C-alpha atoms as a PDB file:
ATOM      1  CA  MET A   1       4.114 250.578-107.826  1.00  0.00           C
ATOM      2  CA  ALA A   2       7.635 251.027-108.997  1.00  0.00           C
ATOM      3  CA  LYS A   3       8.602 249.784-112.416  1.00  0.00           C
ATOM      4  CA  LYS A   4      10.685 246.639-112.335  1.00  0.00           C
ATOM      5  CA  GLN A   5      14.180 247.203-113.731  1.00  0.00           C
ATOM      6  CA  SER A   6      16.355 244.697-115.495  1.00  0.00           C
ATOM      7  CA  PHE A   7      20.125 244.880-115.365  1.00  0.00           C
ATOM      8  CA  GLY A   8      21.089 242.447-118.080  1.00  0.00           C
ATOM      9  CA  ASP A   9      23.818 242.876-120.672  1.00  0.00           C
ATOM     10  CA  LYS A  10      21.416 244.583-123.073  1.00  0.00           C
ATOM     11  CA  ILE A  11      20.492 247.293-120.560  1.00  0.00           C
ATOM     12  CA  LEU A  12      24.105 247.877-119.542  1.00  0.00           C
ATOM     13  CA  ARG A  13      25.161 248.237-123.207  1.00  0.00           C
ATOM     14  CA  GLN A  14      22.396 250.793-123.815  1.00  0.00           C
ATOM     15  CA  ARG A  15      23.477 252.829-120.803  1.00  0.00           C
ATOM     16  CA  ALA A  16      27.121 252.742-121.938  1.00  0.00           C
ATOM     17  CA  GLU A  17      26.135 254.005-125.404  1.00  0.00           C
ATOM     18  CA  VAL A  18      24.233 256.932-123.905  1.00  0.00           C
ATOM     19  CA  LYS A  19      27.265 257.944-121.856  1.00  0.00           C
ATOM     20  CA  LYS A  20      29.392 258.101-125.006  1.00  0.00           C
ATOM     21  CA  MET A  21      27.372 260.990-126.405  1.00  0.00           C
ATOM     22  CA  ALA A  22      28.255 264.672-126.190  1.00  0.00           C
ATOM     23  CA  LYS A  23      25.935 267.667-126.408  1.00  0.00           C
ATOM     24  CA  LEU A  24      27.208 270.555-128.508  1.00  0.00           C
ATOM     25  CA  VAL A  25      25.748 274.038-128.250  1.00  0.00           C
ATOM     26  CA  ILE A  26      26.713 276.055-131.315  1.00  0.00           C
ATOM     27  CA  ALA A  27      26.281 279.829-131.388  1.00  0.00           C
ATOM     28  CA  GLU A  28      25.654 281.562-134.721  1.00  0.00           C
ATOM     29  CA  LYS A  29      25.532 285.298-135.249  1.00  0.00           C
ATOM     30  CA  LYS A  30      22.627 286.462-137.388  1.00  0.00           C
ATOM     31  CA  ALA A  31      22.720 289.334-139.848  1.00  0.00           C
ATOM     32  CA  ASN A  32      20.890 291.619-137.410  1.00  0.00           C
ATOM     33  CA  GLY A  33      23.600 291.115-134.759  1.00  0.00           C
ATOM     34  CA  HIS A  34      21.667 288.747-132.521  1.00  0.00           C
ATOM     35  CA  TYR A  35      22.902 285.263-131.689  1.00  0.00           C
ATOM     36  CA  SER A  36      21.040 282.014-132.156  1.00  0.00           C
ATOM     37  CA  TYR A  37      21.983 278.748-130.505  1.00  0.00           C
ATOM     38  CA  ARG A  38      21.665 275.201-131.807  1.00  0.00           C
ATOM     39  CA  GLN A  39      21.967 272.054-129.747  1.00  0.00           C
ATOM     40  CA  LYS A  40      23.244 268.848-131.240  1.00  0.00           C
ATOM     41  CA  MET A  41      23.945 265.412-129.755  1.00  0.00           C
ATOM     42  CA  VAL A  42      26.968 263.706-131.324  1.00  0.00           C
ATOM     43  CA  SER A  43      29.077 260.690-130.578  1.00  0.00           C
ATOM     44  CA  ALA A  44      32.017 261.399-128.279  1.00  0.00           C
ATOM     45  CA  SER A  45      34.444 260.272-130.983  1.00  0.00           C
ATOM     46  CA  ASP A  46      33.019 262.826-133.475  1.00  0.00           C
ATOM     47  CA  VAL A  47      33.212 265.905-131.245  1.00  0.00           C
ATOM     48  CA  GLN A  48      36.412 267.365-132.706  1.00  0.00           C
ATOM     49  CA  SER A  49      35.212 267.002-136.306  1.00  0.00           C
ATOM     50  CA  GLU A  50      31.853 268.623-135.466  1.00  0.00           C
ATOM     51  CA  ILE A  51      33.593 271.567-133.778  1.00  0.00           C
ATOM     52  CA  ALA A  52      35.862 272.012-136.799  1.00  0.00           C
ATOM     53  CA  ALA A  53      32.852 271.918-139.128  1.00  0.00           C
ATOM     54  CA  ALA A  54      31.017 274.510-137.001  1.00  0.00           C
ATOM     55  CA  LYS A  55      34.033 276.822-137.070  1.00  0.00           C
ATOM     56  CA  ALA A  56      34.253 276.466-140.854  1.00  0.00           C
ATOM     57  CA  ARG A  57      30.595 277.538-141.205  1.00  0.00           C
ATOM     58  CA  SER A  58      31.137 280.703-139.152  1.00  0.00           C
END
């Protein structure tokens, strides 16, 4: 049987919070010349600061 779903305010708020997230994939070059990739979920309002921090680390 299918799981019963509720569409109350609590559920709608949770879904809205999930949509306000952004996934960053950051590439880093290793000493041997190969690249490694990291994935990070951040809030949509923090994307620009995370990108700036990643560029500063490179």
